Amino acid sequence: MREWQSLAHVKWECKYHVVIVPKYRKKVLYGRLRGEVGKIIRQLCRQKEVELIEGHAMPDHIH
């Protein structure tokens, strides 16, 4: 998915770093919930035709 966007004098490739953090950073994102959140994120990426390069689940947040 290396599609460079361009205008008259500019070229760019758009990437985002998304972090999901629960309120008060409660450690609830491991175990069964971790797998479910991963499935939901992959499904959303397919719907929006976005390439998911990498993902990490920590006990209190997701990258």
Protein backbone atom coordinates (compact mmCIF):
# COMPACT_ATOMS: atom_id res chain seq x y z
CA MET A 1 0.00 0.00 0.00
CA ARG A 2 2.83 2.42 -0.73
CA GLU A 3 0.79 4.99 -2.59
CA TRP A 4 2.45 8.37 -2.46
CA GLN A 5 0.09 11.31 -2.67
CA SER A 6 1.26 14.39 -4.54
CA LEU A 7 0.42 17.95 -5.45
CA ALA A 8 2.36 20.49 -7.50
CA HIS A 9 5.46 20.65 -5.28
CA VAL A 10 4.76 18.13 -2.53
CA LYS A 11 4.82 14.32 -2.10
CA TRP A 12 3.68 12.52 1.02
CA GLU A 13 2.71 9.15 2.44
CA CYS A 14 0.15 9.31 5.23
CA LYS A 15 0.63 7.11 8.34
CA TYR A 16 -1.03 7.27 11.74
CA HIS A 17 -0.03 6.01 15.17
CA VAL A 18 -3.19 5.21 17.15
CA VAL A 19 -3.24 4.46 20.88
CA ILE A 20 -6.42 3.30 22.65
CA VAL A 21 -6.39 3.89 26.41
CA PRO A 22 -9.25 3.02 28.80
CA LYS A 23 -10.30 5.59 31.41
CA TYR A 24 -7.81 5.77 34.30
CA ARG A 25 -5.58 3.27 32.40
CA LYS A 26 -7.29 0.33 34.10
CA LYS A 27 -5.58 -2.95 33.28
CA VAL A 28 -8.54 -4.61 31.53
CA LEU A 29 -7.23 -5.18 27.99
CA TYR A 30 -5.70 -8.63 28.46
CA GLY A 31 -7.18 -12.11 28.28
CA ARG A 32 -10.43 -12.62 26.38
CA LEU A 33 -11.02 -8.90 25.84
CA ARG A 34 -7.62 -8.56 24.13
CA GLY A 35 -8.62 -11.04 21.39
CA GLU A 36 -12.00 -9.41 20.87
CA VAL A 37 -10.50 -5.93 20.55
CA GLY A 38 -7.98 -7.26 18.01
CA LYS A 39 -10.77 -8.75 15.88
CA ILE A 40 -12.74 -5.50 15.99
CA ILE A 41 -9.74 -3.39 14.97
CA ARG A 42 -8.89 -5.75 12.07
CA GLN A 43 -12.53 -5.68 10.91
CA LEU A 44 -12.62 -1.86 10.99
CA CYS A 45 -9.39 -1.70 8.99
CA ARG A 46 -10.87 -4.00 6.32
CA GLN A 47 -14.05 -1.89 6.13
CA LYS A 48 -12.08 1.35 5.69
CA GLU A 49 -9.54 -0.31 3.35
CA VAL A 50 -6.68 0.60 5.68
CA GLU A 51 -3.48 -1.42 5.95
CA LEU A 52 -2.73 -2.40 9.55
CA ILE A 53 1.06 -2.63 9.74
CA GLU A 54 1.61 -3.51 13.39
CA GLY A 55 -0.32 -3.76 16.64
CA HIS A 56 0.53 -4.38 20.28
CA ALA A 57 -1.77 -4.98 23.25
CA MET A 58 -0.50 -3.96 26.68
CA PRO A 59 -2.42 -4.54 29.92
CA ASP A 60 -3.57 -0.91 30.04
CA HIS A 61 -3.49 0.30 26.40
CA ILE A 62 -3.32 -0.78 22.75
CA HIS A 63 -0.95 0.54 20.07
